[in-house]
Protein backbone atom coordinates (compact mmCIF):
# COMPACT_ATOMS: atom_id res chain seq x y z
CA UNK A 1 47.76 6.43 -3.67
CA UNK A 2 46.76 3.07 -5.15
CA UNK A 3 47.07 1.36 -1.76
CA UNK A 4 44.91 4.09 -0.23
CA UNK A 5 42.25 3.53 -2.89
CA UNK A 6 42.37 -0.21 -2.21
CA UNK A 7 41.61 0.16 1.49
CA UNK A 8 39.14 3.02 1.01
CA UNK A 9 37.19 1.08 -1.60
CA UNK A 10 37.18 -2.03 0.59
CA UNK A 11 35.76 0.02 3.45
CA UNK A 12 33.16 1.61 1.18
CA UNK A 13 32.16 -1.76 -0.27
CA UNK A 14 31.30 -3.31 3.09
CA UNK A 15 30.27 -0.24 5.11
CA UNK A 16 26.52 -0.32 4.51
CA UNK A 17 26.21 -4.10 4.68
CA UNK A 18 28.58 -4.97 7.53
CA UNK A 19 30.01 -2.02 9.45
CA UNK A 20 26.73 -0.11 9.71
CA UNK A 21 24.78 -2.91 11.45
CA UNK A 22 27.73 -3.52 13.78
CA UNK A 23 27.65 0.16 14.75
CA UNK A 24 23.90 -0.06 15.39
CA UNK A 25 24.39 -3.08 17.61
CA UNK A 26 26.82 -1.09 19.75
CA UNK A 27 24.39 1.82 20.20
CA UNK A 28 21.90 1.87 23.08
CA UNK A 29 18.27 1.17 22.27
CA UNK A 30 15.69 3.90 22.72
CA UNK A 31 13.06 3.55 25.42
CA UNK A 32 9.87 1.99 24.08
CA UNK A 33 6.39 1.68 25.51
CA UNK A 34 5.45 -1.93 26.13
CA UNK A 35 3.58 -3.34 23.15
CA UNK A 36 1.62 -5.56 25.50
CA UNK A 37 -0.31 -2.48 26.72
CA UNK A 38 -3.47 -2.82 24.60
CA UNK A 39 -5.56 0.08 23.35
CA UNK A 40 -8.62 0.03 25.63
CA UNK A 41 -11.70 -1.45 24.03
CA UNK A 42 -13.97 1.31 22.85
CA UNK A 43 -11.15 3.81 22.41
CA UNK A 44 -9.74 2.56 19.12
CA UNK A 45 -8.80 5.57 16.95
CA UNK A 46 -10.51 5.99 13.61
CA UNK A 47 -8.41 4.58 10.77
CA UNK A 48 -8.50 5.58 7.11
CA UNK A 49 -7.20 2.86 4.80
CA UNK A 50 -5.92 4.39 1.55
CA UNK A 51 -5.49 2.02 -1.40
CA UNK A 52 -3.56 3.50 -4.33
CA UNK A 53 -4.55 2.33 -7.81
CA UNK A 54 -3.88 3.09 -11.45
CA UNK A 55 -5.80 1.12 -14.09
CA UNK A 56 -6.42 -1.83 -11.77
CA UNK A 57 -9.76 -3.06 -13.12
CA UNK A 58 -8.56 -6.67 -13.01
CA UNK A 59 -7.57 -6.56 -9.33
CA UNK A 60 -9.41 -3.72 -7.58
CA UNK A 61 -12.53 -5.76 -6.75
CA UNK A 62 -10.47 -8.44 -5.00
CA UNK A 63 -8.59 -5.75 -3.08
CA UNK A 64 -11.76 -4.01 -1.91
CA UNK A 65 -13.22 -7.33 -0.78
CA UNK A 66 -10.03 -7.96 1.18
CA UNK A 67 -10.35 -4.53 2.85
CA UNK A 68 -14.00 -5.10 3.76
CA UNK A 69 -13.06 -8.31 5.57
CA UNK A 70 -10.60 -6.52 7.90
CA UNK A 71 -11.45 -6.69 11.59
CA UNK A 72 -11.37 -3.12 12.90
CA UNK A 73 -14.17 -1.22 14.72
CA UNK A 74 -13.87 2.15 12.95
CA UNK A 75 -12.37 1.78 9.47
CA UNK A 76 -12.78 4.15 6.53
CA UNK A 77 -11.73 2.83 3.11
CA UNK A 78 -10.62 5.13 0.29
CA UNK A 79 -9.32 4.23 -3.16
CA UNK A 80 -6.83 6.80 -4.44
CA UNK A 81 -7.21 6.50 -8.21
CA UNK A 82 -4.22 7.92 -10.05
CA UNK A 83 -6.22 9.25 -13.01
CA UNK A 84 -7.29 5.72 -14.03
CA UNK A 85 -8.59 5.42 -17.59
CA UNK A 86 -10.08 1.91 -17.38
CA UNK A 87 -13.01 0.62 -15.28
CA UNK A 88 -11.24 1.01 -11.94
CA UNK A 89 -13.30 4.01 -10.79
CA UNK A 90 -16.57 2.43 -11.93
CA UNK A 91 -15.87 -0.72 -9.93
CA UNK A 92 -15.04 1.35 -6.85
CA UNK A 93 -18.38 3.12 -7.27
CA UNK A 94 -20.17 -0.21 -6.92
CA UNK A 95 -19.08 -0.28 -3.26
CA UNK A 96 -20.53 3.07 -2.21
CA UNK A 97 -23.08 1.35 0.02
CA UNK A 98 -20.17 -0.29 1.83
CA UNK A 99 -18.74 3.20 2.51
CA UNK A 100 -15.83 2.76 0.12
CA UNK A 101 -14.87 6.23 -1.11
CA UNK A 102 -13.23 7.18 -4.39
CA UNK A 103 -10.54 9.86 -4.23
CA UNK A 104 -9.64 10.46 -7.86
CA UNK A 105 -6.61 12.45 -9.00
CA UNK A 106 -7.75 14.25 -12.15
CA UNK A 107 -4.13 14.74 -13.26
CA UNK A 108 -1.69 11.85 -13.43
CA UNK A 109 1.19 13.10 -11.32
CA UNK A 110 2.18 9.86 -9.65
CA UNK A 111 1.42 7.64 -6.70
CA UNK A 112 2.13 10.21 -3.99
CA UNK A 113 -0.09 12.82 -5.65
CA UNK A 114 -2.97 10.32 -5.72
CA UNK A 115 -2.34 9.44 -2.08
CA UNK A 116 -2.47 13.11 -1.15
CA UNK A 117 -5.93 13.46 -2.72
CA UNK A 118 -7.11 10.65 -0.46
CA UNK A 119 -5.39 12.14 2.59
CA UNK A 120 -7.32 15.37 2.08
CA UNK A 121 -10.62 13.44 1.88
CA UNK A 122 -9.89 11.12 4.79
CA UNK A 123 -11.01 11.64 8.38
CA UNK A 124 -8.97 9.04 10.25
CA UNK A 125 -6.56 9.78 13.07
CA UNK A 126 -4.34 7.00 11.75
CA UNK A 127 -3.77 6.63 7.99
CA UNK A 128 -2.89 3.24 6.52
CA UNK A 129 -1.48 3.01 2.99
CA UNK A 130 -1.61 -0.09 0.82
CA UNK A 131 -1.15 -1.13 -2.81
CA UNK A 132 -3.72 -3.12 -4.74
CA UNK A 133 -1.37 -6.09 -5.06
CA UNK A 134 -0.97 -6.48 -1.28
CA UNK A 135 -3.28 -8.82 0.63
CA UNK A 136 -3.82 -7.65 4.22
CA UNK A 137 -4.49 -10.22 6.98
CA UNK A 138 -7.78 -9.80 8.85
CA UNK A 139 -6.21 -8.67 12.14
CA UNK A 140 -3.40 -6.55 10.66
CA UNK A 141 -4.97 -3.11 11.23
CA UNK A 142 -5.56 -3.81 14.93
CA UNK A 143 -1.94 -4.93 15.26
CA UNK A 144 -0.64 -1.82 13.48
CA UNK A 145 -2.69 0.54 15.64
CA UNK A 146 -1.35 -1.02 18.85
CA UNK A 147 2.08 0.42 18.05
CA UNK A 148 0.66 3.95 18.17
CA UNK A 149 -0.07 3.50 21.88
CA UNK A 150 3.56 4.61 22.15
CA UNK A 151 3.40 8.42 21.76
CA UNK A 152 6.92 8.49 20.31
CA UNK A 153 5.88 6.44 17.25
CA UNK A 154 4.98 8.41 14.13
CA UNK A 155 4.78 5.61 11.55
CA UNK A 156 4.69 1.81 11.48
CA UNK A 157 5.89 -0.48 8.68
CA UNK A 158 4.67 -3.98 7.92
CA UNK A 159 6.98 -6.72 6.71
CA UNK A 160 6.64 -8.05 3.16
CA UNK A 161 6.01 -11.63 2.19
CA UNK A 162 6.12 -12.65 -1.50
CA UNK A 163 3.71 -15.35 -2.68
CA UNK A 164 4.58 -17.35 -5.79
CA UNK A 165 2.18 -18.25 -8.59
CA UNK A 166 1.55 -21.66 -7.05
CA UNK A 167 0.72 -20.15 -3.67
CA UNK A 168 4.01 -20.84 -1.93
CA UNK A 169 5.81 -18.15 0.07
CA UNK A 170 9.07 -16.95 -1.53
CA UNK A 171 11.52 -14.18 -0.87
CA UNK A 172 12.63 -15.77 2.40
CA UNK A 173 16.24 -15.91 1.31
CA UNK A 174 19.29 -14.55 3.04
CA UNK A 175 18.96 -11.05 1.54
CA UNK A 176 15.37 -10.56 2.73
CA UNK A 177 16.18 -11.94 6.18
CA UNK A 178 19.15 -9.59 6.36
CA UNK A 179 17.04 -6.56 5.43
CA UNK A 180 14.39 -7.41 8.03
CA UNK A 181 17.11 -7.88 10.65
CA UNK A 182 18.66 -4.53 9.75
CA UNK A 183 15.25 -2.84 9.84
CA UNK A 184 14.78 -4.23 13.34
CA UNK A 185 18.11 -2.76 14.47
CA UNK A 186 17.15 0.65 13.08
CA UNK A 187 13.67 0.49 14.57
CA UNK A 188 15.11 -0.05 18.04
CA UNK A 189 17.41 2.99 17.72
CA UNK A 190 16.38 6.11 15.79
CA UNK A 191 13.74 4.45 13.63
CA UNK A 192 13.70 2.87 10.18
CA UNK A 193 14.76 5.09 7.27
CA UNK A 194 12.24 3.57 4.88
CA UNK A 195 8.86 1.92 5.36
CA UNK A 196 7.37 -0.91 3.32
CA UNK A 197 5.74 1.07 0.51
CA UNK A 198 3.08 -1.57 -0.04
CA UNK A 199 1.64 -1.49 3.50
CA UNK A 200 2.38 1.02 6.26
CA UNK A 201 0.60 3.34 8.70
CA UNK A 202 1.24 6.82 10.06
CA UNK A 203 -0.31 9.44 12.29
CA UNK A 204 -2.42 11.94 10.38
CA UNK A 205 -0.24 14.87 11.49
CA UNK A 206 2.84 13.17 10.01
CA UNK A 207 1.12 12.85 6.63
CA UNK A 208 -0.64 16.21 6.35
CA UNK A 209 2.46 18.27 7.07
CA UNK A 210 5.31 18.25 4.52
CA UNK A 211 3.81 15.63 2.18
CA UNK A 212 6.01 15.63 -0.93
CA UNK A 213 4.36 14.27 -4.08
CA UNK A 214 7.78 13.96 -5.76
CA UNK A 215 9.34 11.73 -3.09
CA UNK A 216 8.43 8.11 -2.30
CA UNK A 217 5.90 8.13 0.52
CA UNK A 218 7.66 5.26 2.31
CA UNK A 219 10.80 7.41 2.74
CA UNK A 220 9.08 10.77 3.12
CA UNK A 221 6.82 9.49 5.92
CA UNK A 222 9.83 8.23 7.87
CA UNK A 223 11.50 11.61 7.29
CA UNK A 224 8.40 13.51 8.41
CA UNK A 225 8.26 11.39 11.56
CA UNK A 226 11.86 12.37 12.35
CA UNK A 227 11.02 16.03 11.66
CA UNK A 228 8.25 15.82 14.25
CA UNK A 229 10.57 14.26 16.83
CA UNK A 230 8.95 10.84 16.34
CA UNK A 231 10.26 7.51 15.07
CA UNK A 232 9.16 5.14 12.32
CA UNK A 233 9.21 1.55 13.54
CA UNK A 234 8.82 -1.89 12.04
CA UNK A 235 6.09 -4.31 13.08
CA UNK A 236 7.41 -7.86 12.59
CA UNK A 237 4.02 -9.29 13.58
CA UNK A 238 2.23 -7.39 10.78
CA UNK A 239 2.65 -8.98 7.37
CA UNK A 240 1.63 -7.89 3.89
CA UNK A 241 1.35 -10.63 1.25
CA UNK A 242 1.76 -10.06 -2.47
CA UNK A 243 2.71 -12.08 -5.51
CA UNK A 244 6.11 -11.90 -7.12
CA UNK A 245 6.35 -9.95 -10.37
CA UNK A 246 4.58 -11.77 -13.22
CA UNK A 247 7.37 -11.04 -15.72
CA UNK A 248 10.68 -11.79 -13.99
CA UNK A 249 12.56 -9.93 -16.72
CA UNK A 250 10.96 -6.69 -15.52
CA UNK A 251 12.23 -7.09 -11.95
CA UNK A 252 15.51 -5.41 -12.91
CA UNK A 253 13.70 -2.30 -14.17
CA UNK A 254 11.63 -2.23 -10.99
CA UNK A 255 14.86 -2.08 -8.98
CA UNK A 256 16.14 0.74 -11.21
CA UNK A 257 12.94 2.73 -10.68
CA UNK A 258 13.12 2.21 -6.93
CA UNK A 259 16.68 3.55 -6.70
CA UNK A 260 15.97 6.53 -8.97
CA UNK A 261 13.02 7.48 -6.78
CA UNK A 262 15.14 7.07 -3.67
CA UNK A 263 17.99 9.21 -4.98
CA UNK A 264 15.47 11.81 -6.11
CA UNK A 265 14.01 11.97 -2.60
CA UNK A 266 17.42 12.44 -1.02
CA UNK A 267 18.33 15.15 -3.54
CA UNK A 268 15.10 16.98 -2.66
CA UNK A 269 15.70 16.70 1.09
CA UNK A 270 19.47 16.87 1.64
CA UNK A 271 18.84 18.36 5.08
CA UNK A 272 18.09 14.84 6.33
CA UNK A 273 21.86 14.19 6.25
CA UNK A 274 22.46 16.98 8.78
CA UNK A 275 23.21 15.33 12.16
CA UNK A 276 22.71 18.64 13.98
CA UNK A 277 19.10 18.65 12.81
CA UNK A 278 18.25 14.93 12.72
CA UNK A 279 20.80 13.37 15.05
CA UNK A 280 21.35 9.63 14.67
CA UNK A 281 18.60 9.41 12.06
CA UNK A 282 20.88 11.40 9.73
CA UNK A 283 23.65 8.84 10.22
CA UNK A 284 21.23 6.01 9.51
CA UNK A 285 20.10 7.62 6.25
CA UNK A 286 23.73 8.16 5.25
CA UNK A 287 24.76 4.61 6.08
CA UNK A 288 21.70 2.74 4.82
CA UNK A 289 20.76 4.82 1.79
CA UNK A 290 23.71 6.88 0.52
CA UNK A 291 26.43 4.34 1.25
CA UNK A 292 24.27 1.51 -0.12
CA UNK A 293 23.94 3.36 -3.42
CA UNK A 294 27.67 4.14 -3.41
CA UNK A 295 28.67 0.52 -2.70
CA UNK A 296 28.83 -0.71 -6.35
CA UNK A 297 31.11 2.20 -7.28
CA UNK A 298 33.45 1.30 -4.41
CA UNK A 299 33.35 -2.32 -5.58
CA UNK A 300 34.46 -1.32 -9.07
CA UNK A 301 37.39 0.64 -7.63
CA UNK A 302 38.22 -2.26 -5.31
CA UNK A 303 38.38 -4.72 -8.21
CA UNK A 304 40.66 -2.55 -10.34
CA UNK A 305 42.94 -1.56 -7.46
CA UNK A 306 43.24 -5.25 -6.50
CA UNK A 307 44.14 -6.08 -10.09
CA UNK A 308 46.85 -3.42 -10.19
CA UNK A 309 48.26 -4.39 -6.80
CA UNK A 310 48.06 -8.17 -7.20
CA UNK A 311 51.71 -8.32 -8.28
CA UNK A 312 52.70 -7.43 -4.72
CA UNK A 313 51.14 -10.65 -3.52
CA UNK A 314 49.79 -11.05 -0.01
CA UNK A 315 46.43 -9.50 0.83
CA UNK A 316 46.18 -7.85 -2.57
CA UNK A 317 46.47 -11.13 -4.47
CA UNK A 318 44.03 -12.86 -2.11
CA UNK A 319 41.54 -10.00 -2.57
CA UNK A 320 41.74 -10.35 -6.36
CA UNK A 321 41.31 -14.13 -6.26
CA UNK A 322 38.29 -13.82 -3.93
CA UNK A 323 36.64 -11.27 -6.20
CA UNK A 324 37.27 -13.27 -9.36
CA UNK A 325 35.78 -16.36 -7.71
CA UNK A 326 32.75 -14.34 -6.55
CA UNK A 327 32.07 -12.80 -9.95
CA UNK A 328 32.81 -16.13 -11.60
CA UNK A 329 29.88 -17.64 -9.67
CA UNK A 330 27.68 -14.78 -10.82
CA UNK A 331 28.70 -15.25 -14.46
CA UNK A 332 28.04 -18.98 -14.21
CA UNK A 333 24.59 -18.25 -12.79
CA UNK A 334 23.89 -15.89 -15.67
CA UNK A 335 24.99 -18.40 -18.32
CA UNK A 336 23.34 -21.39 -16.65
CA UNK A 337 20.12 -20.23 -14.89
CA UNK A 338 19.55 -23.60 -13.20
CA UNK A 339 22.60 -22.92 -11.03
CA UNK A 340 20.65 -20.10 -9.35
CA UNK A 341 18.66 -22.72 -7.49
CA UNK A 342 21.69 -23.11 -5.24
CA UNK A 343 22.28 -20.51 -2.51
CA UNK A 344 26.00 -20.35 -3.29
CA UNK A 345 25.09 -18.88 -6.69
CA UNK A 346 21.69 -17.36 -5.97
CA UNK A 347 22.86 -14.94 -3.27
CA UNK A 348 25.88 -13.52 -5.19
CA UNK A 349 23.77 -13.30 -8.37
CA UNK A 350 21.02 -11.35 -6.63
CA UNK A 351 23.56 -9.11 -4.90
CA UNK A 352 25.29 -8.21 -8.18
CA UNK A 353 21.96 -7.71 -9.93
CA UNK A 354 20.96 -5.17 -7.26
CA UNK A 355 24.29 -3.36 -7.62
CA UNK A 356 24.06 -3.22 -11.43
CA UNK A 357 20.56 -1.77 -11.09
CA UNK A 358 21.94 0.81 -8.66
CA UNK A 359 24.68 1.85 -11.11
CA UNK A 360 22.12 2.07 -13.91
CA UNK A 361 19.80 4.17 -11.74
CA UNK A 362 22.57 6.51 -10.55
CA UNK A 363 23.76 7.21 -14.10
CA UNK A 364 20.16 7.68 -15.26
CA UNK A 365 19.52 10.14 -12.43
CA UNK A 366 22.66 12.15 -13.23
CA UNK A 367 21.53 12.28 -16.86
CA UNK A 368 18.24 13.83 -15.74
CA UNK A 369 15.88 10.86 -15.59
CA UNK A 370 13.14 11.02 -12.93
CA UNK A 371 10.40 8.55 -12.00
CA UNK A 372 7.40 10.60 -10.90
CA UNK A 373 4.64 8.84 -12.84
CA UNK A 374 3.85 5.49 -11.30
CA UNK A 375 2.95 2.28 -13.11
CA UNK A 376 2.20 -0.66 -10.78
CA UNK A 377 4.12 -3.88 -11.46
CA UNK A 378 1.91 -6.64 -12.83
CA UNK A 379 1.81 -9.52 -10.36
């Protein structure tokens, strides 16, 4: 039994990170319309850009100015105010002559509820969602819309780029590169299982039908695309820039909130795991989401089974030594923060931090904690 647990936990530990992408690489790619086919000039669909905000008086003006500089022939701008109590709504009102609309949620029920108020007021054929903290390049909307020339595409995700306080680009480490690579593999098969929540676009029909204010819109929009027989794809040529979190100590809690919201969404829509209804998309959700959240629990079992079997030597002893060395690097990085400047420590440290946040979030969810109300991270 102990040997079985050893091998099962090893499989579970690496499944989402290693086996899953290998499986995707072996699967045939779906047929895609050529991106080089441009939307004919004069036939650009109307786009509604929805910016979600809660008490953003210090940043909303800069965001609106960024939106007004976007190069798109038929763009409607709406600010979805999540029951803001500061000067956010007043500042938005100053831009009425620039056709910036305020869609205020009178009850604070969270980000998705505020977005839904804006969806109901919008008139665009394509809806683009963005956070206040995200700076959108001038040509980004045109690039996003080009992907919808493919009738099989229901939603399009940008790729995130973090900007440090001194203006340099960060977040280009191995983990981010891996996630973007994995997203590309999914996009080429049955579609990504989660969009970039800070900047993505979708067809109006995907958003109006089955919008769930209690599930993260980045996941729910991908799910709704699959429901409609469409795919959610990634756009590697469309970037969204935003600063890293101002208080690094709060990054851990942000990760916890993200996982709790993700687990909540899956618990509300368990049908997405049914392969008879969603085909390969169901497998992708299982492998990328469910098995990713289960990975730290498998890793705990793997460590203890290795410890108990180490006396047999061989692979069991080697597995224990490898794990102790790995976690030793993490502990050293925790005790001596300067060591995290080196990739050999930085990558394991970040990986373990994510897994600890996942364990925290899973336990919190099972104890009844939910994260409906949304408070933007200060950047």
